PDB file of N, CA and C in Angstrom:
ATOM      1  N   MET A   1      23.253 -33.559 -53.443  1.00  0.00           N
ATOM      2  CA  MET A   1      21.917 -33.393 -52.925  1.00  0.00           C
ATOM      3  C   MET A   1      21.320 -32.102 -53.470  1.00  0.00           C
ATOM      4  N   THR A   2      20.152 -32.213 -54.022  1.00  0.00           N
ATOM      5  CA  THR A   2      19.465 -31.065 -54.598  1.00  0.00           C
ATOM      6  C   THR A   2      18.648 -30.356 -53.525  1.00  0.00           C
ATOM      7  N   LEU A   3      18.758 -29.039 -53.518  1.00  0.00           N
ATOM      8  CA  LEU A   3      17.970 -28.265 -52.563  1.00  0.00           C
ATOM      9  C   LEU A   3      16.598 -27.988 -53.153  1.00  0.00           C
ATOM     10  N   THR A   4      15.631 -28.704 -52.659  1.00  0.00           N
ATOM     11  CA  THR A   4      14.248 -28.474 -53.054  1.00  0.00           C
ATOM     12  C   THR A   4      13.590 -27.580 -52.014  1.00  0.00           C
ATOM     13  N   PRO A   5      12.472 -26.975 -52.344  1.00  0.00           N
ATOM     14  CA  PRO A   5      11.781 -26.164 -51.334  1.00  0.00           C
ATOM     15  C   PRO A   5      11.446 -26.964 -50.068  1.00  0.00           C
ATOM     16  N   SER A   6      11.124 -28.234 -50.221  1.00  0.00           N
ATOM     17  CA  SER A   6      10.797 -29.061 -49.060  1.00  0.00           C
ATOM     18  C   SER A   6      12.000 -29.249 -48.143  1.00  0.00           C
ATOM     19  N   THR A   7      13.170 -29.506 -48.718  1.00  0.00           N
ATOM     20  CA  THR A   7      14.350 -29.693 -47.876  1.00  0.00           C
ATOM     21  C   THR A   7      14.763 -28.395 -47.194  1.00  0.00           C
ATOM     22  N   ILE A   8      14.568 -27.281 -47.861  1.00  0.00           N
ATOM     23  CA  ILE A   8      14.872 -25.983 -47.251  1.00  0.00           C
ATOM     24  C   ILE A   8      13.938 -25.727 -46.080  1.00  0.00           C
ATOM     25  N   ILE A   9      12.649 -26.008 -46.250  1.00  0.00           N
ATOM     26  CA  ILE A   9      11.681 -25.807 -45.171  1.00  0.00           C
ATOM     27  C   ILE A   9      11.989 -26.727 -43.998  1.00  0.00           C
ATOM     28  N   ILE A  10      12.337 -27.973 -44.279  1.00  0.00           N
ATOM     29  CA  ILE A  10      12.681 -28.909 -43.203  1.00  0.00           C
ATOM     30  C   ILE A  10      13.914 -28.429 -42.444  1.00  0.00           C
ATOM     31  N   ALA A  11      14.905 -27.925 -43.158  1.00  0.00           N
ATOM     32  CA  ALA A  11      16.113 -27.402 -42.504  1.00  0.00           C
ATOM     33  C   ALA A  11      15.783 -26.202 -41.632  1.00  0.00           C
ATOM     34  N   ILE A  12      14.910 -25.332 -42.102  1.00  0.00           N
ATOM     35  CA  ILE A  12      14.502 -24.164 -41.315  1.00  0.00           C
ATOM     36  C   ILE A  12      13.753 -24.615 -40.062  1.00  0.00           C
ATOM     37  N   LEU A  13      12.857 -25.592 -40.202  1.00  0.00           N
ATOM     38  CA  LEU A  13      12.105 -26.093 -39.042  1.00  0.00           C
ATOM     39  C   LEU A  13      13.031 -26.727 -38.010  1.00  0.00           C
ATOM     40  N   ILE A  14      14.007 -27.465 -38.466  1.00  0.00           N
ATOM     41  CA  ILE A  14      14.981 -28.068 -37.540  1.00  0.00           C
ATOM     42  C   ILE A  14      15.764 -26.969 -36.815  1.00  0.00           C
ATOM     43  N   ALA A  15      16.181 -25.948 -37.542  1.00  0.00           N
ATOM     44  CA  ALA A  15      16.938 -24.848 -36.938  1.00  0.00           C
ATOM     45  C   ALA A  15      16.098 -24.102 -35.901  1.00  0.00           C
ATOM     46  N   ILE A  16      14.842 -23.817 -36.227  1.00  0.00           N
ATOM     47  CA  ILE A  16      13.965 -23.112 -35.286  1.00  0.00           C
ATOM     48  C   ILE A  16      13.765 -23.934 -34.017  1.00  0.00           C
ATOM     49  N   ASN A  17      13.564 -25.241 -34.169  1.00  0.00           N
ATOM     50  CA  ASN A  17      13.354 -26.089 -32.999  1.00  0.00           C
ATOM     51  C   ASN A  17      14.623 -26.225 -32.172  1.00  0.00           C
ATOM     52  N   LEU A  18      15.765 -26.246 -32.804  1.00  0.00           N
ATOM     53  CA  LEU A  18      17.028 -26.286 -32.063  1.00  0.00           C
ATOM     54  C   LEU A  18      17.223 -24.995 -31.267  1.00  0.00           C
ATOM     55  N   ILE A  19      16.922 -23.871 -31.880  1.00  0.00           N
ATOM     56  CA  ILE A  19      17.025 -22.583 -31.186  1.00  0.00           C
ATOM     57  C   ILE A  19      16.058 -22.541 -30.002  1.00  0.00           C
ATOM     58  N   ALA A  20      14.822 -23.017 -30.209  1.00  0.00           N
ATOM     59  CA  ALA A  20      13.836 -23.036 -29.124  1.00  0.00           C
ATOM     60  C   ALA A  20      14.306 -23.924 -27.977  1.00  0.00           C
ATOM     61  N   PHE A  21      14.892 -25.062 -28.307  1.00  0.00           N
ATOM     62  CA  PHE A  21      15.425 -25.974 -27.295  1.00  0.00           C
ATOM     63  C   PHE A  21      16.542 -25.292 -26.502  1.00  0.00           C
ATOM     64  N   LEU A  22      17.429 -24.602 -27.195  1.00  0.00           N
ATOM     65  CA  LEU A  22      18.541 -23.915 -26.534  1.00  0.00           C
ATOM     66  C   LEU A  22      18.057 -22.749 -25.674  1.00  0.00           C
ATOM     67  N   ILE A  23      16.995 -22.074 -26.110  1.00  0.00           N
ATOM     68  CA  ILE A  23      16.424 -20.997 -25.301  1.00  0.00           C
ATOM     69  C   ILE A  23      15.829 -21.560 -24.009  1.00  0.00           C
ATOM     70  N   MET A  24      15.168 -22.718 -24.098  1.00  0.00           N
ATOM     71  CA  MET A  24      14.655 -23.367 -22.882  1.00  0.00           C
ATOM     72  C   MET A  24      15.813 -23.735 -21.953  1.00  0.00           C
ATOM     73  N   MET A  25      16.899 -24.235 -22.509  1.00  0.00           N
ATOM     74  CA  MET A  25      18.063 -24.602 -21.702  1.00  0.00           C
ATOM     75  C   MET A  25      18.651 -23.360 -21.023  1.00  0.00           C
ATOM     76  N   ALA A  26      18.780 -22.276 -21.765  1.00  0.00           N
ATOM     77  CA  ALA A  26      19.334 -21.043 -21.204  1.00  0.00           C
ATOM     78  C   ALA A  26      18.458 -20.520 -20.074  1.00  0.00           C
ATOM     79  N   ASP A  27      17.144 -20.564 -20.255  1.00  0.00           N
ATOM     80  CA  ASP A  27      16.250 -20.082 -19.206  1.00  0.00           C
ATOM     81  C   ASP A  27      16.322 -20.962 -17.971  1.00  0.00           C
ATOM     82  N   LYS A  28      16.467 -22.254 -18.152  1.00  0.00           N
ATOM     83  CA  LYS A  28      16.595 -23.152 -17.006  1.00  0.00           C
ATOM     84  C   LYS A  28      17.866 -22.831 -16.217  1.00  0.00           C
ATOM     85  N   PHE A  29      18.959 -22.620 -16.906  1.00  0.00           N
ATOM     86  CA  PHE A  29      20.201 -22.291 -16.209  1.00  0.00           C
ATOM     87  C   PHE A  29      20.109 -20.927 -15.521  1.00  0.00           C
ATOM     88  N   LYS A  30      19.389 -19.995 -16.143  1.00  0.00           N
ATOM     89  CA  LYS A  30      19.208 -18.683 -15.528  1.00  0.00           C
ATOM     90  C   LYS A  30      18.298 -18.752 -14.308  1.00  0.00           C
ATOM     91  N   SER A  31      17.426 -19.747 -14.269  1.00  0.00           N
ATOM     92  CA  SER A  31      16.482 -19.840 -13.159  1.00  0.00           C
ATOM     93  C   SER A  31      17.176 -20.158 -11.834  1.00  0.00           C
ATOM     94  N   ASP A  32      18.382 -20.706 -11.881  1.00  0.00           N
ATOM     95  CA  ASP A  32      19.126 -21.010 -10.658  1.00  0.00           C
ATOM     96  C   ASP A  32      19.713 -19.761 -10.009  1.00  0.00           C
ATOM     97  N   ASP A  33      19.899 -18.701 -10.791  1.00  0.00           N
ATOM     98  CA  ASP A  33      20.502 -17.464 -10.288  1.00  0.00           C
ATOM     99  C   ASP A  33      19.403 -16.407 -10.127  1.00  0.00           C
ATOM    100  N   PRO A  34      19.115 -16.011  -8.883  1.00  0.00           N
ATOM    101  CA  PRO A  34      18.023 -15.045  -8.684  1.00  0.00           C
ATOM    102  C   PRO A  34      18.312 -13.656  -9.253  1.00  0.00           C
ATOM    103  N   THR A  35      19.573 -13.337  -9.538  1.00  0.00           N
ATOM    104  CA  THR A  35      19.898 -12.019 -10.094  1.00  0.00           C
ATOM    105  C   THR A  35      19.928 -12.012 -11.624  1.00  0.00           C
ATOM    106  N   ALA A  36      19.824 -13.172 -12.236  1.00  0.00           N
ATOM    107  CA  ALA A  36      19.913 -13.255 -13.698  1.00  0.00           C
ATOM    108  C   ALA A  36      18.636 -12.727 -14.343  1.00  0.00           C
ATOM    109  N   ARG A  37      18.802 -12.151 -15.493  1.00  0.00           N
ATOM    110  CA  ARG A  37      17.652 -11.688 -16.266  1.00  0.00           C
ATOM    111  C   ARG A  37      17.078 -12.880 -17.026  1.00  0.00           C
ATOM    112  N   ARG A  38      15.828 -13.217 -16.734  1.00  0.00           N
ATOM    113  CA  ARG A  38      15.197 -14.408 -17.288  1.00  0.00           C
ATOM    114  C   ARG A  38      14.604 -14.161 -18.670  1.00  0.00           C
ATOM    115  N   ILE A  39      14.373 -15.244 -19.375  1.00  0.00           N
ATOM    116  CA  ILE A  39      13.705 -15.205 -20.674  1.00  0.00           C
ATOM    117  C   ILE A  39      12.206 -15.257 -20.395  1.00  0.00           C
ATOM    118  N   SER A  40      11.445 -14.383 -21.023  1.00  0.00           N
ATOM    119  CA  SER A  40      10.021 -14.295 -20.726  1.00  0.00           C
ATOM    120  C   SER A  40       9.262 -15.509 -21.248  1.00  0.00           C
ATOM    121  N   GLU A  41       8.172 -15.832 -20.559  1.00  0.00           N
ATOM    122  CA  GLU A  41       7.317 -16.925 -21.011  1.00  0.00           C
ATOM    123  C   GLU A  41       6.673 -16.577 -22.345  1.00  0.00           C
ATOM    124  N   GLY A  42       6.463 -15.292 -22.566  1.00  0.00           N
ATOM    125  CA  GLY A  42       5.921 -14.852 -23.846  1.00  0.00           C
ATOM    126  C   GLY A  42       6.841 -15.199 -25.010  1.00  0.00           C
ATOM    127  N   LEU A  43       8.144 -15.036 -24.804  1.00  0.00           N
ATOM    128  CA  LEU A  43       9.107 -15.400 -25.850  1.00  0.00           C
ATOM    129  C   LEU A  43       9.102 -16.903 -26.085  1.00  0.00           C
ATOM    130  N   LEU A  44       8.974 -17.672 -25.007  1.00  0.00           N
ATOM    131  CA  LEU A  44       8.932 -19.127 -25.159  1.00  0.00           C
ATOM    132  C   LEU A  44       7.701 -19.550 -25.957  1.00  0.00           C
ATOM    133  N   PHE A  45       6.555 -18.946 -25.665  1.00  0.00           N
ATOM    134  CA  PHE A  45       5.346 -19.260 -26.431  1.00  0.00           C
ATOM    135  C   PHE A  45       5.454 -18.742 -27.862  1.00  0.00           C
ATOM    136  N   PHE A  46       6.102 -17.594 -28.057  1.00  0.00           N
ATOM    137  CA  PHE A  46       6.297 -17.076 -29.405  1.00  0.00           C
ATOM    138  C   PHE A  46       7.147 -18.032 -30.227  1.00  0.00           C
ATOM    139  N   MET A  47       8.217 -18.545 -29.627  1.00  0.00           N
ATOM    140  CA  MET A  47       9.068 -19.518 -30.327  1.00  0.00           C
ATOM    141  C   MET A  47       8.275 -20.781 -30.661  1.00  0.00           C
ATOM    142  N   ALA A  48       7.413 -21.203 -29.743  1.00  0.00           N
ATOM    143  CA  ALA A  48       6.592 -22.383 -29.996  1.00  0.00           C
ATOM    144  C   ALA A  48       5.605 -22.117 -31.134  1.00  0.00           C
ATOM    145  N   ALA A  49       5.019 -20.936 -31.159  1.00  0.00           N
ATOM    146  CA  ALA A  49       4.078 -20.602 -32.226  1.00  0.00           C
ATOM    147  C   ALA A  49       4.787 -20.428 -33.565  1.00  0.00           C
ATOM    148  N   LEU A  50       6.059 -20.070 -33.521  1.00  0.00           N
ATOM    149  CA  LEU A  50       6.853 -19.856 -34.729  1.00  0.00           C
ATOM    150  C   LEU A  50       7.525 -21.160 -35.155  1.00  0.00           C
ATOM    151  N   PHE A  51       6.790 -22.257 -35.074  1.00  0.00           N
ATOM    152  CA  PHE A  51       7.219 -23.596 -35.480  1.00  0.00           C
ATOM    153  C   PHE A  51       8.311 -24.183 -34.598  1.00  0.00           C
ATOM    154  N   GLY A  52       8.482 -23.675 -33.377  1.00  0.00           N
ATOM    155  CA  GLY A  52       9.471 -24.227 -32.464  1.00  0.00           C
ATOM    156  C   GLY A  52       8.858 -25.018 -31.321  1.00  0.00           C
ATOM    157  N   SER A  53       7.621 -25.452 -31.489  1.00  0.00           N
ATOM    158  CA  SER A  53       6.918 -26.111 -30.386  1.00  0.00           C
ATOM    159  C   SER A  53       7.570 -27.429 -29.977  1.00  0.00           C
ATOM    160  N   PHE A  54       8.119 -28.157 -30.927  1.00  0.00           N
ATOM    161  CA  PHE A  54       8.762 -29.428 -30.581  1.00  0.00           C
ATOM    162  C   PHE A  54      10.043 -29.183 -29.781  1.00  0.00           C
ATOM    163  N   GLY A  55      10.783 -28.137 -30.110  1.00  0.00           N
ATOM    164  CA  GLY A  55      11.975 -27.792 -29.362  1.00  0.00           C
ATOM    165  C   GLY A  55      11.656 -27.330 -27.949  1.00  0.00           C
ATOM    166  N   VAL A  56      10.596 -26.513 -27.812  1.00  0.00           N
ATOM    167  CA  VAL A  56      10.181 -26.058 -26.483  1.00  0.00           C
ATOM    168  C   VAL A  56       9.707 -27.249 -25.652  1.00  0.00           C
ATOM    169  N   TYR A  57       8.917 -28.122 -26.255  1.00  0.00           N
ATOM    170  CA  TYR A  57       8.393 -29.291 -25.532  1.00  0.00           C
ATOM    171  C   TYR A  57       9.523 -30.231 -25.110  1.00  0.00           C
ATOM    172  N   ALA A  58      10.477 -30.448 -25.995  1.00  0.00           N
ATOM    173  CA  ALA A  58      11.620 -31.292 -25.644  1.00  0.00           C
ATOM    174  C   ALA A  58      12.439 -30.637 -24.534  1.00  0.00           C
ATOM    175  N   GLY A  59      12.604 -29.334 -24.595  1.00  0.00           N
ATOM    176  CA  GLY A  59      13.330 -28.618 -23.550  1.00  0.00           C
ATOM    177  C   GLY A  59      12.620 -28.651 -22.212  1.00  0.00           C
ATOM    178  N   MET A  60      11.286 -28.633 -22.245  1.00  0.00           N
ATOM    179  CA  MET A  60      10.526 -28.711 -20.999  1.00  0.00           C
ATOM    180  C   MET A  60      10.886 -29.969 -20.215  1.00  0.00           C
ATOM    181  N   PHE A  61      10.961 -31.077 -20.898  1.00  0.00           N
ATOM    182  CA  PHE A  61      11.176 -32.337 -20.201  1.00  0.00           C
ATOM    183  C   PHE A  61      12.652 -32.707 -20.083  1.00  0.00           C
ATOM    184  N   ALA A  62      13.478 -32.246 -21.002  1.00  0.00           N
ATOM    185  CA  ALA A  62      14.908 -32.525 -20.889  1.00  0.00           C
ATOM    186  C   ALA A  62      15.516 -31.789 -19.700  1.00  0.00           C
ATOM    187  N   PHE A  63      15.019 -30.571 -19.436  1.00  0.00           N
ATOM    188  CA  PHE A  63      15.575 -29.761 -18.359  1.00  0.00           C
ATOM    189  C   PHE A  63      14.626 -29.624 -17.171  1.00  0.00           C
ATOM    190  N   ARG A  64      13.494 -30.309 -17.215  1.00  0.00           N
ATOM    191  CA  ARG A  64      12.451 -30.204 -16.170  1.00  0.00           C
ATOM    192  C   ARG A  64      12.138 -28.738 -15.888  1.00  0.00           C
ATOM    193  N   HIS A  65      11.797 -28.051 -16.943  1.00  0.00           N
ATOM    194  CA  HIS A  65      11.572 -26.608 -16.871  1.00  0.00           C
ATOM    195  C   HIS A  65      10.176 -26.287 -17.367  1.00  0.00           C
ATOM    196  N   LYS A  66       9.438 -25.547 -16.566  1.00  0.00           N
ATOM    197  CA  LYS A  66       8.063 -25.117 -16.877  1.00  0.00           C
ATOM    198  C   LYS A  66       7.087 -26.287 -16.916  1.00  0.00           C
ATOM    199  N   THR A  67       7.435 -27.417 -16.341  1.00  0.00           N
ATOM    200  CA  THR A  67       6.546 -28.584 -16.378  1.00  0.00           C
ATOM    201  C   THR A  67       5.436 -28.498 -15.340  1.00  0.00           C
ATOM    202  N   ARG A  68       5.512 -27.563 -14.432  1.00  0.00           N
ATOM    203  CA  ARG A  68       4.441 -27.393 -13.439  1.00  0.00           C
ATOM    204  C   ARG A  68       3.444 -26.323 -13.842  1.00  0.00           C
ATOM    205  N   LYS A  69       3.705 -25.650 -14.911  1.00  0.00           N
ATOM    206  CA  LYS A  69       2.804 -24.599 -15.383  1.00  0.00           C
ATOM    207  C   LYS A  69       1.759 -25.227 -16.304  1.00  0.00           C
ATOM    208  N   TRP A  70       0.489 -25.121 -15.901  1.00  0.00           N
ATOM    209  CA  TRP A  70      -0.571 -25.780 -16.660  1.00  0.00           C
ATOM    210  C   TRP A  70      -0.674 -25.224 -18.075  1.00  0.00           C
ATOM    211  N   TYR A  71      -0.412 -23.931 -18.244  1.00  0.00           N
ATOM    212  CA  TYR A  71      -0.541 -23.351 -19.578  1.00  0.00           C
ATOM    213  C   TYR A  71       0.573 -23.810 -20.514  1.00  0.00           C
ATOM    214  N   PHE A  72       1.700 -24.257 -19.982  1.00  0.00           N
ATOM    215  CA  PHE A  72       2.728 -24.869 -20.826  1.00  0.00           C
ATOM    216  C   PHE A  72       2.352 -26.318 -21.133  1.00  0.00           C
ATOM    217  N   LEU A  73       1.841 -27.033 -20.139  1.00  0.00           N
ATOM    218  CA  LEU A  73       1.482 -28.443 -20.341  1.00  0.00           C
ATOM    219  C   LEU A  73       0.341 -28.614 -21.330  1.00  0.00           C
ATOM    220  N   ILE A  74      -0.541 -27.618 -21.421  1.00  0.00           N
ATOM    221  CA  ILE A  74      -1.655 -27.691 -22.370  1.00  0.00           C
ATOM    222  C   ILE A  74      -1.347 -26.907 -23.645  1.00  0.00           C
ATOM    223  N   GLY A  75      -0.767 -25.725 -23.492  1.00  0.00           N
ATOM    224  CA  GLY A  75      -0.555 -24.836 -24.635  1.00  0.00           C
ATOM    225  C   GLY A  75       0.475 -25.322 -25.634  1.00  0.00           C
ATOM    226  N   ILE A  76       1.574 -25.864 -25.153  1.00  0.00           N
ATOM    227  CA  ILE A  76       2.630 -26.296 -26.080  1.00  0.00           C
ATOM    228  C   ILE A  76       2.166 -27.477 -26.937  1.00  0.00           C
ATOM    229  N   PRO A  77       1.519 -28.521 -26.377  1.00  0.00           N
ATOM    230  CA  PRO A  77       1.004 -29.578 -27.262  1.00  0.00           C
ATOM    231  C   PRO A  77      -0.038 -29.066 -28.267  1.00  0.00           C
ATOM    232  N   LEU A  78      -0.848 -28.084 -27.868  1.00  0.00           N
ATOM    233  CA  LEU A  78      -1.794 -27.505 -28.829  1.00  0.00           C
ATOM    234  C   LEU A  78      -1.058 -26.766 -29.944  1.00  0.00           C
ATOM    235  N   LEU A  79       0.007 -26.075 -29.589  1.00  0.00           N
ATOM    236  CA  LEU A  79       0.817 -25.412 -30.615  1.00  0.00           C
ATOM    237  C   LEU A  79       1.537 -26.424 -31.493  1.00  0.00           C
ATOM    238  N   MET A  80       1.870 -27.589 -30.936  1.00  0.00           N
ATOM    239  CA  MET A  80       2.468 -28.650 -31.751  1.00  0.00           C
ATOM    240  C   MET A  80       1.485 -29.092 -32.827  1.00  0.00           C
ATOM    241  N   LEU A  81       0.216 -29.250 -32.447  1.00  0.00           N
ATOM    242  CA  LEU A  81      -0.812 -29.622 -33.436  1.00  0.00           C
ATOM    243  C   LEU A  81      -0.975 -28.538 -34.494  1.00  0.00           C
ATOM    244  N   GLU A  82      -0.957 -27.287 -34.055  1.00  0.00           N
ATOM    245  CA  GLU A  82      -1.084 -26.180 -34.998  1.00  0.00           C
ATOM    246  C   GLU A  82       0.112 -26.135 -35.939  1.00  0.00           C
ATOM    247  N   ASN A  83       1.320 -26.357 -35.399  1.00  0.00           N
ATOM    248  CA  ASN A  83       2.533 -26.373 -36.232  1.00  0.00           C
ATOM    249  C   ASN A  83       2.470 -27.484 -37.260  1.00  0.00           C
ATOM    250  N   LEU A  84       2.032 -28.682 -36.842  1.00  0.00           N
ATOM    251  CA  LEU A  84       1.924 -29.817 -37.770  1.00  0.00           C
ATOM    252  C   LEU A  84       0.910 -29.541 -38.874  1.00  0.00           C
ATOM    253  N   ALA A  85      -0.241 -28.999 -38.491  1.00  0.00           N
ATOM    254  CA  ALA A  85      -1.285 -28.718 -39.480  1.00  0.00           C
ATOM    255  C   ALA A  85      -0.822 -27.669 -40.487  1.00  0.00           C
ATOM    256  N   THR A  86      -0.160 -26.631 -40.003  1.00  0.00           N
ATOM    257  CA  THR A  86       0.323 -25.581 -40.897  1.00  0.00           C
ATOM    258  C   THR A  86       1.436 -26.096 -41.804  1.00  0.00           C
ATOM    259  N   ALA A  87       2.352 -26.880 -41.256  1.00  0.00           N
ATOM    260  CA  ALA A  87       3.429 -27.448 -42.074  1.00  0.00           C
ATOM    261  C   ALA A  87       2.873 -28.396 -43.127  1.00  0.00           C
ATOM    262  N   TYR A  88       1.888 -29.195 -42.748  1.00  0.00           N
ATOM    263  CA  TYR A  88       1.233 -30.117 -43.684  1.00  0.00           C
ATOM    264  C   TYR A  88       0.615 -29.336 -44.842  1.00  0.00           C
ATOM    265  N   LEU A  89      -0.110 -28.276 -44.519  1.00  0.00           N
ATOM    266  CA  LEU A  89      -0.728 -27.441 -45.552  1.00  0.00           C
ATOM    267  C   LEU A  89       0.332 -26.783 -46.420  1.00  0.00           C
ATOM    268  N   LEU A  90       1.399 -26.313 -45.801  1.00  0.00           N
ATOM    269  CA  LEU A  90       2.476 -25.655 -46.543  1.00  0.00           C
ATOM    270  C   LEU A  90       3.136 -26.601 -47.541  1.00  0.00           C
ATOM    271  N   PHE A  91       3.376 -27.857 -47.116  1.00  0.00           N
ATOM    272  CA  PHE A  91       3.973 -28.830 -48.026  1.00  0.00           C
ATOM    273  C   PHE A  91       3.053 -29.132 -49.208  1.00  0.00           C
ATOM    274  N   TYR A  92       1.746 -29.194 -48.971  1.00  0.00           N
ATOM    275  CA  TYR A  92       0.815 -29.431 -50.072  1.00  0.00           C
ATOM    276  C   TYR A  92       0.751 -28.241 -51.026  1.00  0.00           C
ATOM    277  N   ILE A  93       0.838 -27.040 -50.503  1.00  0.00           N
ATOM    278  CA  ILE A  93       0.833 -25.857 -51.364  1.00  0.00           C
ATOM    279  C   ILE A  93       2.106 -25.814 -52.199  1.00  0.00           C
ATOM    280  N   ILE A  94       3.257 -26.102 -51.580  1.00  0.00           N
ATOM    281  CA  ILE A  94       4.527 -26.075 -52.309  1.00  0.00           C
ATOM    282  C   ILE A  94       4.573 -27.152 -53.380  1.00  0.00           C
ATOM    283  N   SER A  95       4.034 -28.329 -53.073  1.00  0.00           N
ATOM    284  CA  SER A  95       4.076 -29.418 -54.042  1.00  0.00           C
ATOM    285  C   SER A  95       3.090 -29.207 -55.188  1.00  0.00           C
ATOM    286  N   GLY A  96       2.212 -28.215 -55.067  1.00  0.00           N
ATOM    287  CA  GLY A  96       1.270 -27.927 -56.140  1.00  0.00           C
ATOM    288  C   GLY A  96      -0.003 -28.739 -56.074  1.00  0.00           C
ATOM    289  N   GLN A  97      -0.190 -29.522 -55.046  1.00  0.00           N
ATOM    290  CA  GLN A  97      -1.402 -30.332 -54.923  1.00  0.00           C
ATOM    291  C   GLN A  97      -2.594 -29.504 -54.466  1.00  0.00           C
ATOM    292  N   ILE A  98      -2.326 -28.358 -53.855  1.00  0.00           N
ATOM    293  CA  ILE A  98      -3.369 -27.422 -53.471  1.00  0.00           C
ATOM    294  C   ILE A  98      -3.009 -26.087 -54.098  1.00  0.00           C
ATOM    295  N   SER A  99      -3.964 -25.492 -54.772  1.00  0.00           N
ATOM    296  CA  SER A  99      -3.690 -24.175 -55.347  1.00  0.00           C
ATOM    297  C   SER A  99      -4.546 -23.139 -54.622  1.00  0.00           C
ATOM    298  N   LEU A 100      -3.943 -22.001 -54.413  1.00  0.00           N
ATOM    299  CA  LEU A 100      -4.639 -20.911 -53.749  1.00  0.00           C
ATOM    300  C   LEU A 100      -5.032 -19.881 -54.793  1.00  0.00           C
ATOM    301  N   ASN A 101      -6.307 -19.841 -55.106  1.00  0.00           N
ATOM    302  CA  ASN A 101      -6.837 -18.855 -56.060  1.00  0.00           C
ATOM    303  C   ASN A 101      -7.722 -17.903 -55.308  1.00  0.00           C
ATOM    304  N   PHE A 102      -7.313 -16.656 -55.281  1.00  0.00           N
ATOM    305  CA  PHE A 102      -8.093 -15.636 -54.573  1.00  0.00           C
ATOM    306  C   PHE A 102      -8.832 -14.743 -55.546  1.00  0.00           C
ATOM    307  N   ASN A 103      -9.344 -15.324 -56.615  1.00  0.00           N
ATOM    308  CA  ASN A 103     -10.077 -14.533 -57.618  1.00  0.00           C
ATOM    309  C   ASN A 103     -11.529 -14.474 -57.293  1.00  0.00           C
TER     310      ASN A 103
END
């Protein structure tokens, strides 16, 4: 299997989403212990903005975590759209179908 830029980007996106999913799982388990140090909602949104929105969204429903927070129910799907649009643009730039000339 040849490592192309597209396969490398896909592997990175899968890794980021897996990490985001695991962070949601860790926070859910920490939520049961009132003395545990929790993961901030800011970090969860940062992971979602950093192309981990699908992992955060899957973690929300797999662990029933943050599903009552309106800003997660609206914000994460919006970040999913932003992630898709940015990834789509990135693939077109890498494939050479779009050129960026800043002259």
